[in-house]
Amino acid sequence: MKYRKKGIKKEHHIIEDGEELLNELIKNKLVRSVIPGRIKTTPKGKPGITRLTYQYDTKSGAKLLLKKGSTVQEVFVITDDREALKKFIESRFKS
C-alpha cells in the first residue's frame, strides 16, 4: 500500500534511523518529497551508524543512498536546490 506521511512516500520500509534523517531534510526545506526504494542487504558488514550520501542529480531532484552497516537503500528526492542539499549532506556526514 502506498501513502505519504510528512512528505515521505510510504511504499517500502526505511532503514533503521533513516526516516529521522529524511525528515531532517524536509524540516530544513531542502526537499519537497522523498521516495524510498527497496532495501538491499549483504551478509557481510558490521552494524554502524546510519549515513546519507548524495549520489547524482536526477531530472526532478537527486538520488541519495541511506547506508547502515551492510544495508543500503536508494532514496529519490524532489528538490528545487540540489546544491544546498548536497552541501547540507556533505557537512552533516563528514568522514
C-alpha atoms as a PDB file:
ATOM      1  CA  MET A   1       0.000   0.000   0.000  1.00  0.00           C
ATOM      2  CA  LYS A   2       1.338   3.437  -0.923  1.00  0.00           C
ATOM      3  CA  TYR A   3       0.719   6.598   1.090  1.00  0.00           C
ATOM      4  CA  ARG A   4       2.546   9.760   2.127  1.00  0.00           C
ATOM      5  CA  LYS A   5       3.484  10.805   5.636  1.00  0.00           C
ATOM      6  CA  LYS A   6       5.023  14.274   6.066  1.00  0.00           C
ATOM      7  CA  GLY A   7       6.454  14.288   2.534  1.00  0.00           C
ATOM      8  CA  ILE A   8       7.805  10.716   2.604  1.00  0.00           C
ATOM      9  CA  LYS A   9       6.168   8.231   0.260  1.00  0.00           C
ATOM     10  CA  LYS A  10       5.483   5.011   2.180  1.00  0.00           C
ATOM     11  CA  GLU A  11       5.762   2.137  -0.258  1.00  0.00           C
ATOM     12  CA  HIS A  12       8.875   0.473   1.149  1.00  0.00           C
ATOM     13  CA  HIS A  13      10.226   0.346   4.666  1.00  0.00           C
ATOM     14  CA  ILE A  14      13.074   2.680   5.535  1.00  0.00           C
ATOM     15  CA  ILE A  15      16.435   1.669   7.037  1.00  0.00           C
ATOM     16  CA  GLU A  16      16.566   1.973  10.805  1.00  0.00           C
ATOM     17  CA  ASP A  17      17.140   5.622  11.822  1.00  0.00           C
ATOM     18  CA  GLY A  18      16.839   6.638   8.160  1.00  0.00           C
ATOM     19  CA  GLU A  19      13.394   8.180   8.463  1.00  0.00           C
ATOM     20  CA  GLU A  20      14.760  10.626  11.037  1.00  0.00           C
ATOM     21  CA  LEU A  21      17.462  11.745   8.579  1.00  0.00           C
ATOM     22  CA  LEU A  22      14.964  12.119   5.743  1.00  0.00           C
ATOM     23  CA  ASN A  23      12.596  14.119   7.952  1.00  0.00           C
ATOM     24  CA  GLU A  24      15.525  16.409   8.750  1.00  0.00           C
ATOM     25  CA  LEU A  25      15.831  17.208   5.021  1.00  0.00           C
ATOM     26  CA  ILE A  26      12.124  18.027   4.830  1.00  0.00           C
ATOM     27  CA  LYS A  27      12.178  20.082   8.034  1.00  0.00           C
ATOM     28  CA  ASN A  28      15.084  22.162   6.680  1.00  0.00           C
ATOM     29  CA  LYS A  29      13.132  22.685   3.425  1.00  0.00           C
ATOM     30  CA  LEU A  30      15.873  21.038   1.383  1.00  0.00           C
ATOM     31  CA  VAL A  31      13.463  18.588  -0.274  1.00  0.00           C
ATOM     32  CA  ARG A  32       9.765  18.648  -1.122  1.00  0.00           C
ATOM     33  CA  SER A  33       9.209  14.919  -1.431  1.00  0.00           C
ATOM     34  CA  VAL A  34      11.039  11.660  -0.612  1.00  0.00           C
ATOM     35  CA  ILE A  35      10.581   8.353  -2.451  1.00  0.00           C
ATOM     36  CA  PRO A  36      12.472   5.491  -0.750  1.00  0.00           C
ATOM     37  CA  GLY A  37      13.425   2.434  -2.800  1.00  0.00           C
ATOM     38  CA  ARG A  38      13.921  -1.169  -1.795  1.00  0.00           C
ATOM     39  CA  ILE A  39      16.341  -2.116   0.951  1.00  0.00           C
ATOM     40  CA  LYS A  40      19.274  -4.306  -0.087  1.00  0.00           C
ATOM     41  CA  THR A  41      21.495  -6.190   2.328  1.00  0.00           C
ATOM     42  CA  THR A  42      24.572  -8.331   2.035  1.00  0.00           C
ATOM     43  CA  PRO A  43      25.553 -10.986   4.549  1.00  0.00           C
ATOM     44  CA  LYS A  44      28.837  -9.204   5.315  1.00  0.00           C
ATOM     45  CA  GLY A  45      29.224  -5.989   7.195  1.00  0.00           C
ATOM     46  CA  LYS A  46      29.280  -4.551  10.659  1.00  0.00           C
ATOM     47  CA  PRO A  47      26.443  -2.671  12.287  1.00  0.00           C
ATOM     48  CA  GLY A  48      27.134   1.011  12.148  1.00  0.00           C
ATOM     49  CA  ILE A  49      25.657   4.448  12.184  1.00  0.00           C
ATOM     50  CA  THR A  50      23.119   5.424   9.561  1.00  0.00           C
ATOM     51  CA  ARG A  51      24.665   7.624   6.874  1.00  0.00           C
ATOM     52  CA  LEU A  52      23.244   9.515   3.938  1.00  0.00           C
ATOM     53  CA  THR A  53      25.206  10.187   0.747  1.00  0.00           C
ATOM     54  CA  TYR A  54      24.435  12.226  -2.365  1.00  0.00           C
ATOM     55  CA  GLN A  55      24.772  10.083  -5.491  1.00  0.00           C
ATOM     56  CA  TYR A  56      23.739  12.140  -8.511  1.00  0.00           C
ATOM     57  CA  ASP A  57      21.262  14.657  -9.918  1.00  0.00           C
ATOM     58  CA  THR A  58      18.014  13.414 -11.457  1.00  0.00           C
ATOM     59  CA  LYS A  59      15.540  15.229 -13.670  1.00  0.00           C
ATOM     60  CA  SER A  60      13.424  16.391 -10.702  1.00  0.00           C
ATOM     61  CA  GLY A  61      15.928  16.245  -7.858  1.00  0.00           C
ATOM     62  CA  ALA A  62      18.547  13.776  -6.720  1.00  0.00           C
ATOM     63  CA  LYS A  63      19.326  10.191  -5.876  1.00  0.00           C
ATOM     64  CA  LEU A  64      20.638   9.621  -2.350  1.00  0.00           C
ATOM     65  CA  LEU A  65      21.826   6.473  -0.570  1.00  0.00           C
ATOM     66  CA  LEU A  66      20.962   5.561   3.000  1.00  0.00           C
ATOM     67  CA  LYS A  67      23.523   3.156   4.479  1.00  0.00           C
ATOM     68  CA  LYS A  68      23.741   1.293   7.751  1.00  0.00           C
ATOM     69  CA  GLY A  69      26.314  -1.463   8.050  1.00  0.00           C
ATOM     70  CA  SER A  70      25.828  -3.745   5.049  1.00  0.00           C
ATOM     71  CA  THR A  71      22.333  -2.423   4.340  1.00  0.00           C
ATOM     72  CA  VAL A  72      21.793   0.077   1.532  1.00  0.00           C
ATOM     73  CA  GLN A  73      18.669   1.869   0.329  1.00  0.00           C
ATOM     74  CA  GLU A  74      18.228   4.128  -2.684  1.00  0.00           C
ATOM     75  CA  VAL A  75      16.225   7.263  -1.949  1.00  0.00           C
ATOM     76  CA  PHE A  76      14.950   9.639  -4.607  1.00  0.00           C
ATOM     77  CA  VAL A  77      14.091  13.194  -3.591  1.00  0.00           C
ATOM     78  CA  ILE A  78      12.397  16.112  -5.275  1.00  0.00           C
ATOM     79  CA  THR A  79      14.234  19.361  -4.612  1.00  0.00           C
ATOM     80  CA  ASP A  80      14.495  22.842  -6.059  1.00  0.00           C
ATOM     81  CA  ASP A  81      18.051  23.400  -4.796  1.00  0.00           C
ATOM     82  CA  ARG A  82      20.374  20.459  -5.437  1.00  0.00           C
ATOM     83  CA  GLU A  83      23.473  22.398  -4.388  1.00  0.00           C
ATOM     84  CA  ALA A  84      22.057  23.320  -0.964  1.00  0.00           C
ATOM     85  CA  LEU A  85      21.012  19.685  -0.454  1.00  0.00           C
ATOM     86  CA  LYS A  86      24.442  18.414  -1.480  1.00  0.00           C
ATOM     87  CA  LYS A  87      26.246  20.870   0.824  1.00  0.00           C
ATOM     88  CA  PHE A  88      23.966  20.003   3.757  1.00  0.00           C
ATOM     89  CA  ILE A  89      24.560  16.246   3.345  1.00  0.00           C
ATOM     90  CA  GLU A  90      28.319  16.706   2.937  1.00  0.00           C
ATOM     91  CA  SER A  91      28.578  18.896   6.045  1.00  0.00           C
ATOM     92  CA  ARG A  92      26.258  16.668   8.114  1.00  0.00           C
ATOM     93  CA  PHE A  93      28.121  13.456   7.241  1.00  0.00           C
ATOM     94  CA  LYS A  94      31.776  14.485   7.026  1.00  0.00           C
ATOM     95  CA  SER A  95      34.015  11.440   7.041  1.00  0.00           C
END
